[in-house]
């Protein structure tokens, strides 16, 4: 379920928060909102907070369908940074697999378990963050 999609103009960042059971349709809707914001304000980085997402029903088929949904938005994305915030190492491995399946994008993307590191990298691109 989509909890929120919030654009923070001062930082040039969209923060998407997903929780509960994962839905490819919810993901597609959230991606559409991020793209709409970018079309309105220009390039923006994004933080996808999925710490409240239920990962137990996410399998390789779900990851592939989600990757295919994401690919539909690829021509509309630029070189923005995308930080994915997860709650633990299992979720981190699943999201890294998803990003590997979605590697046909120009977007710089990383998975984090530390919210401060995710935000710092997203805002600066500094790998030391």
N, C-alpha and C. Protein backbone atom coordinates (compact mmCIF):
# COMPACT_ATOMS: atom_id res chain seq x y z
N UNK A 1 0.84 -1.17 0.00
CA UNK A 1 0.00 0.00 0.00
C UNK A 1 0.89 1.24 0.00
N UNK A 2 0.45 2.25 -0.74
CA UNK A 2 1.17 3.52 -0.77
C UNK A 2 0.75 4.33 0.45
N UNK A 3 1.71 4.63 1.31
CA UNK A 3 1.42 5.50 2.46
C UNK A 3 1.52 6.96 2.06
N UNK A 4 2.58 7.28 1.30
CA UNK A 4 2.75 8.67 0.90
C UNK A 4 3.75 8.80 -0.25
N UNK A 5 3.57 9.88 -1.00
CA UNK A 5 4.53 10.32 -2.01
C UNK A 5 4.64 11.83 -1.79
N UNK A 6 5.78 12.23 -1.22
CA UNK A 6 5.96 13.63 -0.81
C UNK A 6 7.17 14.22 -1.50
N UNK A 7 6.99 15.37 -2.12
CA UNK A 7 8.09 16.09 -2.75
C UNK A 7 8.58 17.15 -1.79
N UNK A 8 9.88 17.12 -1.49
CA UNK A 8 10.50 18.14 -0.64
C UNK A 8 11.32 19.06 -1.54
N UNK A 9 10.73 20.20 -1.85
CA UNK A 9 11.31 21.12 -2.82
C UNK A 9 12.71 21.59 -2.40
N UNK A 10 12.91 21.90 -1.14
CA UNK A 10 14.20 22.44 -0.68
C UNK A 10 15.35 21.48 -1.00
N UNK A 11 15.10 20.18 -0.90
CA UNK A 11 16.15 19.20 -1.18
C UNK A 11 16.08 18.65 -2.60
N UNK A 12 14.98 18.87 -3.29
CA UNK A 12 14.81 18.29 -4.61
C UNK A 12 14.67 16.78 -4.55
N UNK A 13 13.92 16.30 -3.55
CA UNK A 13 13.79 14.86 -3.30
C UNK A 13 12.32 14.48 -3.18
N UNK A 14 11.97 13.36 -3.81
CA UNK A 14 10.66 12.76 -3.63
C UNK A 14 10.85 11.59 -2.66
N UNK A 15 10.02 11.54 -1.64
CA UNK A 15 10.08 10.42 -0.69
C UNK A 15 8.80 9.62 -0.85
N UNK A 16 8.97 8.34 -1.20
CA UNK A 16 7.86 7.42 -1.38
C UNK A 16 7.90 6.43 -0.21
N UNK A 17 6.77 6.25 0.45
CA UNK A 17 6.70 5.30 1.54
C UNK A 17 5.65 4.25 1.21
N UNK A 18 6.10 2.98 1.19
CA UNK A 18 5.22 1.85 0.95
C UNK A 18 5.18 0.99 2.20
N UNK A 19 4.01 0.40 2.50
CA UNK A 19 3.91 -0.47 3.66
C UNK A 19 2.87 -1.56 3.40
N UNK A 20 2.84 -2.53 4.30
CA UNK A 20 1.87 -3.61 4.19
C UNK A 20 2.24 -4.59 3.10
N UNK A 21 1.22 -5.22 2.52
CA UNK A 21 1.44 -6.19 1.45
C UNK A 21 1.86 -5.47 0.17
N UNK A 22 2.84 -6.03 -0.51
CA UNK A 22 3.33 -5.42 -1.74
C UNK A 22 2.37 -5.69 -2.89
N UNK A 23 2.19 -4.67 -3.72
CA UNK A 23 1.35 -4.79 -4.90
C UNK A 23 2.07 -4.14 -6.08
N UNK A 24 2.19 -4.86 -7.18
CA UNK A 24 2.80 -4.30 -8.38
C UNK A 24 2.00 -3.09 -8.85
N UNK A 25 0.67 -3.15 -8.72
CA UNK A 25 -0.16 -2.01 -9.11
C UNK A 25 0.13 -0.78 -8.25
N UNK A 26 0.32 -0.98 -6.93
CA UNK A 26 0.69 0.14 -6.07
C UNK A 26 2.03 0.73 -6.49
N UNK A 27 2.98 -0.16 -6.79
CA UNK A 27 4.30 0.30 -7.24
C UNK A 27 4.17 1.12 -8.51
N UNK A 28 3.40 0.62 -9.46
CA UNK A 28 3.19 1.31 -10.74
C UNK A 28 2.55 2.69 -10.48
N UNK A 29 1.59 2.75 -9.58
CA UNK A 29 0.93 4.02 -9.26
C UNK A 29 1.91 4.99 -8.62
N UNK A 30 2.74 4.51 -7.69
CA UNK A 30 3.73 5.37 -7.04
C UNK A 30 4.76 5.87 -8.05
N UNK A 31 5.22 4.99 -8.95
CA UNK A 31 6.16 5.40 -10.00
C UNK A 31 5.53 6.49 -10.87
N UNK A 32 4.27 6.32 -11.21
CA UNK A 32 3.57 7.32 -12.01
C UNK A 32 3.55 8.67 -11.32
N UNK A 33 3.34 8.67 -10.02
CA UNK A 33 3.33 9.92 -9.26
C UNK A 33 4.71 10.56 -9.23
N UNK A 34 5.76 9.75 -9.05
CA UNK A 34 7.13 10.28 -9.07
C UNK A 34 7.42 10.89 -10.43
N UNK A 35 7.05 10.22 -11.50
CA UNK A 35 7.26 10.74 -12.85
C UNK A 35 6.48 12.03 -13.05
N UNK A 36 5.24 12.08 -12.56
CA UNK A 36 4.44 13.30 -12.68
C UNK A 36 5.12 14.47 -11.97
N UNK A 37 5.65 14.22 -10.78
CA UNK A 37 6.37 15.27 -10.04
C UNK A 37 7.58 15.73 -10.84
N UNK A 38 8.33 14.78 -11.39
CA UNK A 38 9.53 15.14 -12.17
C UNK A 38 9.16 15.92 -13.43
N UNK A 39 8.03 15.61 -14.02
CA UNK A 39 7.60 16.36 -15.21
C UNK A 39 7.23 17.79 -14.83
N UNK A 40 6.76 17.97 -13.61
CA UNK A 40 6.34 19.29 -13.14
C UNK A 40 7.51 20.13 -12.67
N UNK A 41 8.42 19.54 -11.88
CA UNK A 41 9.48 20.32 -11.24
C UNK A 41 10.86 20.09 -11.82
N UNK A 42 11.01 19.09 -12.66
CA UNK A 42 12.33 18.76 -13.22
C UNK A 42 12.98 17.61 -12.46
N UNK A 43 14.25 17.38 -12.73
CA UNK A 43 14.94 16.24 -12.11
C UNK A 43 14.88 16.28 -10.58
N UNK A 44 14.57 15.17 -10.02
CA UNK A 44 14.54 15.02 -8.56
C UNK A 44 15.09 13.65 -8.21
N UNK A 45 15.75 13.59 -7.08
CA UNK A 45 16.20 12.31 -6.55
C UNK A 45 15.03 11.70 -5.78
N UNK A 46 15.13 10.42 -5.45
CA UNK A 46 14.03 9.76 -4.75
C UNK A 46 14.54 8.84 -3.66
N UNK A 47 13.81 8.82 -2.57
CA UNK A 47 14.03 7.86 -1.50
C UNK A 47 12.77 7.02 -1.41
N UNK A 48 12.93 5.71 -1.63
CA UNK A 48 11.82 4.77 -1.50
C UNK A 48 11.98 4.08 -0.15
N UNK A 49 11.12 4.42 0.78
CA UNK A 49 11.15 3.82 2.12
C UNK A 49 10.21 2.62 2.12
N UNK A 50 10.79 1.43 2.13
CA UNK A 50 10.00 0.21 2.14
C UNK A 50 10.20 -0.56 3.45
N UNK A 51 10.58 0.17 4.50
CA UNK A 51 10.82 -0.48 5.79
C UNK A 51 9.55 -1.08 6.37
N UNK A 52 8.40 -0.58 5.99
CA UNK A 52 7.13 -1.11 6.49
C UNK A 52 6.47 -2.10 5.55
N UNK A 53 7.19 -2.48 4.50
CA UNK A 53 6.63 -3.39 3.50
C UNK A 53 6.79 -4.84 3.96
N UNK A 54 5.78 -5.63 3.68
CA UNK A 54 5.81 -7.07 4.00
C UNK A 54 6.50 -7.79 2.85
N UNK A 55 7.66 -8.39 3.12
CA UNK A 55 8.46 -9.03 2.08
C UNK A 55 8.19 -10.53 1.94
N UNK A 56 7.39 -11.12 2.82
CA UNK A 56 7.23 -12.58 2.82
C UNK A 56 6.56 -13.12 1.56
N UNK A 57 5.78 -12.33 0.87
CA UNK A 57 5.10 -12.79 -0.35
C UNK A 57 5.80 -12.36 -1.63
N UNK A 58 6.97 -11.73 -1.50
CA UNK A 58 7.70 -11.27 -2.67
C UNK A 58 8.62 -12.39 -3.14
N UNK A 59 8.35 -12.90 -4.34
CA UNK A 59 9.19 -13.95 -4.92
C UNK A 59 9.78 -13.44 -6.23
N UNK A 60 10.52 -14.28 -6.93
CA UNK A 60 11.18 -13.85 -8.16
C UNK A 60 10.18 -13.42 -9.22
N UNK A 61 9.01 -14.05 -9.28
CA UNK A 61 7.99 -13.65 -10.25
C UNK A 61 7.51 -12.23 -9.97
N UNK A 62 7.28 -11.92 -8.71
CA UNK A 62 6.85 -10.57 -8.32
C UNK A 62 7.95 -9.56 -8.67
N UNK A 63 9.20 -9.92 -8.40
CA UNK A 63 10.30 -9.02 -8.71
C UNK A 63 10.41 -8.78 -10.22
N UNK A 64 10.22 -9.82 -11.02
CA UNK A 64 10.27 -9.65 -12.47
C UNK A 64 9.13 -8.76 -12.97
N UNK A 65 7.91 -9.00 -12.46
CA UNK A 65 6.77 -8.17 -12.89
C UNK A 65 6.96 -6.72 -12.47
N UNK A 66 7.54 -6.51 -11.30
CA UNK A 66 7.79 -5.15 -10.83
C UNK A 66 8.88 -4.49 -11.68
N UNK A 67 9.90 -5.27 -12.02
CA UNK A 67 10.96 -4.76 -12.88
C UNK A 67 10.41 -4.37 -14.25
N UNK A 68 9.52 -5.19 -14.79
CA UNK A 68 8.89 -4.88 -16.07
C UNK A 68 8.05 -3.61 -15.96
N UNK A 69 7.34 -3.46 -14.85
CA UNK A 69 6.56 -2.23 -14.65
C UNK A 69 7.48 -1.02 -14.58
N UNK A 70 8.59 -1.17 -13.88
CA UNK A 70 9.54 -0.07 -13.76
C UNK A 70 10.14 0.29 -15.11
N UNK A 71 10.41 -0.71 -15.94
CA UNK A 71 11.00 -0.47 -17.26
C UNK A 71 10.10 0.43 -18.11
N UNK A 72 8.80 0.36 -17.89
CA UNK A 72 7.88 1.21 -18.63
C UNK A 72 8.06 2.69 -18.34
N UNK A 73 8.69 2.99 -17.21
CA UNK A 73 8.93 4.39 -16.83
C UNK A 73 10.34 4.84 -17.18
N UNK A 74 11.22 3.90 -17.56
CA UNK A 74 12.63 4.21 -17.79
C UNK A 74 12.85 5.35 -18.79
N UNK A 75 12.12 5.39 -19.92
CA UNK A 75 12.37 6.49 -20.86
C UNK A 75 12.05 7.86 -20.28
N UNK A 76 11.28 7.90 -19.21
CA UNK A 76 10.88 9.18 -18.62
C UNK A 76 11.79 9.57 -17.46
N UNK A 77 12.75 8.71 -17.11
CA UNK A 77 13.66 9.02 -16.01
C UNK A 77 14.99 9.49 -16.57
N UNK A 78 15.67 10.27 -15.79
CA UNK A 78 17.00 10.73 -16.17
C UNK A 78 18.06 10.07 -15.31
N UNK A 79 19.03 10.85 -14.91
CA UNK A 79 20.17 10.33 -14.16
C UNK A 79 20.05 10.61 -12.67
N UNK A 80 18.85 10.71 -12.16
CA UNK A 80 18.65 10.97 -10.74
C UNK A 80 19.12 9.79 -9.90
N UNK A 81 19.37 10.07 -8.62
CA UNK A 81 19.73 9.02 -7.67
C UNK A 81 18.47 8.50 -6.99
N UNK A 82 18.44 7.19 -6.78
CA UNK A 82 17.34 6.54 -6.08
C UNK A 82 17.91 5.73 -4.93
N UNK A 83 17.54 6.08 -3.72
CA UNK A 83 17.93 5.33 -2.53
C UNK A 83 16.73 4.52 -2.06
N UNK A 84 16.95 3.23 -1.82
CA UNK A 84 15.90 2.36 -1.32
C UNK A 84 16.25 2.03 0.13
N UNK A 85 15.34 2.37 1.03
CA UNK A 85 15.55 2.16 2.45
C UNK A 85 14.79 0.93 2.90
N UNK A 86 15.53 -0.07 3.44
CA UNK A 86 14.94 -1.32 3.89
C UNK A 86 15.22 -1.52 5.38
N UNK A 87 14.54 -2.50 5.98
CA UNK A 87 14.66 -2.69 7.42
C UNK A 87 15.75 -3.67 7.85
N UNK A 88 16.22 -4.53 6.96
CA UNK A 88 17.22 -5.51 7.38
C UNK A 88 17.94 -6.15 6.22
N UNK A 89 18.80 -7.11 6.53
CA UNK A 89 19.67 -7.71 5.51
C UNK A 89 18.91 -8.58 4.51
N UNK A 90 17.87 -9.27 4.93
CA UNK A 90 17.09 -10.08 3.99
C UNK A 90 16.38 -9.17 2.99
N UNK A 91 15.75 -8.12 3.49
CA UNK A 91 15.08 -7.16 2.62
C UNK A 91 16.09 -6.47 1.70
N UNK A 92 17.28 -6.21 2.23
CA UNK A 92 18.33 -5.59 1.43
C UNK A 92 18.71 -6.49 0.26
N UNK A 93 18.86 -7.78 0.51
CA UNK A 93 19.21 -8.73 -0.55
C UNK A 93 18.11 -8.80 -1.61
N UNK A 94 16.85 -8.81 -1.17
CA UNK A 94 15.73 -8.86 -2.11
C UNK A 94 15.71 -7.60 -2.98
N UNK A 95 15.90 -6.44 -2.37
CA UNK A 95 15.87 -5.20 -3.15
C UNK A 95 17.07 -5.09 -4.08
N UNK A 96 18.22 -5.59 -3.66
CA UNK A 96 19.38 -5.59 -4.57
C UNK A 96 19.11 -6.47 -5.78
N UNK A 97 18.46 -7.61 -5.56
CA UNK A 97 18.08 -8.47 -6.68
C UNK A 97 17.12 -7.73 -7.61
N UNK A 98 16.14 -7.03 -7.03
CA UNK A 98 15.21 -6.25 -7.85
C UNK A 98 15.96 -5.21 -8.68
N UNK A 99 16.90 -4.50 -8.06
CA UNK A 99 17.65 -3.48 -8.80
C UNK A 99 18.51 -4.11 -9.89
N UNK A 100 19.05 -5.31 -9.62
CA UNK A 100 19.81 -6.02 -10.65
C UNK A 100 18.91 -6.39 -11.83
N UNK A 101 17.68 -6.79 -11.54
CA UNK A 101 16.73 -7.12 -12.61
C UNK A 101 16.33 -5.87 -13.39
N UNK A 102 16.48 -4.72 -12.76
CA UNK A 102 16.06 -3.45 -13.35
C UNK A 102 17.25 -2.61 -13.79
N UNK A 103 18.34 -3.23 -14.16
CA UNK A 103 19.55 -2.46 -14.41
C UNK A 103 19.56 -1.68 -15.71
N UNK A 104 18.54 -1.80 -16.55
CA UNK A 104 18.49 -1.04 -17.80
C UNK A 104 17.95 0.37 -17.56
N UNK A 105 18.55 1.05 -16.63
CA UNK A 105 18.14 2.42 -16.33
C UNK A 105 19.38 3.26 -16.11
N UNK A 106 19.29 4.53 -16.40
CA UNK A 106 20.42 5.44 -16.16
C UNK A 106 20.47 5.90 -14.71
N UNK A 107 19.45 5.61 -13.96
CA UNK A 107 19.35 6.08 -12.59
C UNK A 107 20.39 5.40 -11.71
N UNK A 108 21.13 6.19 -10.92
CA UNK A 108 22.03 5.65 -9.91
C UNK A 108 21.14 5.16 -8.77
N UNK A 109 21.37 3.95 -8.31
CA UNK A 109 20.47 3.38 -7.31
C UNK A 109 21.25 2.55 -6.30
N UNK A 110 20.87 2.68 -5.03
CA UNK A 110 21.52 1.93 -3.96
C UNK A 110 20.49 1.56 -2.92
N UNK A 111 20.79 0.49 -2.17
CA UNK A 111 19.91 0.02 -1.10
C UNK A 111 20.61 0.29 0.24
N UNK A 112 19.84 0.79 1.21
CA UNK A 112 20.38 1.16 2.52
C UNK A 112 19.51 0.59 3.64
N UNK A 113 20.14 0.33 4.78
CA UNK A 113 19.39 0.00 5.99
C UNK A 113 19.43 1.17 6.98
N UNK A 114 20.28 2.14 6.72
CA UNK A 114 20.43 3.31 7.59
C UNK A 114 19.76 4.52 6.94
N UNK A 115 18.70 5.05 7.55
CA UNK A 115 17.98 6.18 6.95
C UNK A 115 18.86 7.40 6.69
N UNK A 116 19.77 7.72 7.62
CA UNK A 116 20.62 8.90 7.45
C UNK A 116 21.57 8.70 6.26
N UNK A 117 22.12 7.51 6.11
CA UNK A 117 23.01 7.23 4.98
C UNK A 117 22.25 7.29 3.66
N UNK A 118 21.03 6.77 3.64
CA UNK A 118 20.21 6.81 2.42
C UNK A 118 19.95 8.25 2.00
N UNK A 119 19.57 9.06 2.95
CA UNK A 119 19.27 10.45 2.63
C UNK A 119 20.53 11.21 2.21
N UNK A 120 21.62 11.01 2.94
CA UNK A 120 22.86 11.71 2.60
C UNK A 120 23.34 11.35 1.20
N UNK A 121 23.32 10.05 0.86
CA UNK A 121 23.74 9.64 -0.48
C UNK A 121 22.81 10.19 -1.54
N UNK A 122 21.53 10.12 -1.28
CA UNK A 122 20.53 10.59 -2.26
C UNK A 122 20.74 12.08 -2.53
N UNK A 123 21.03 12.85 -1.51
CA UNK A 123 21.19 14.30 -1.68
C UNK A 123 22.54 14.69 -2.28
N UNK A 124 23.60 13.91 -1.95
CA UNK A 124 24.94 14.33 -2.36
C UNK A 124 25.60 13.41 -3.38
N UNK A 125 25.21 12.15 -3.41
CA UNK A 125 25.88 11.19 -4.27
C UNK A 125 27.21 10.74 -3.71
N UNK A 126 27.53 11.19 -2.51
CA UNK A 126 28.80 10.87 -1.87
C UNK A 126 28.77 9.45 -1.32
N UNK A 127 29.63 8.58 -1.83
CA UNK A 127 29.67 7.19 -1.37
C UNK A 127 30.17 7.05 0.06
N UNK A 128 30.80 8.09 0.59
CA UNK A 128 31.26 8.03 1.98
C UNK A 128 30.14 8.32 2.96
N UNK A 129 29.00 8.72 2.43
CA UNK A 129 27.86 9.09 3.30
C UNK A 129 27.34 7.89 4.03
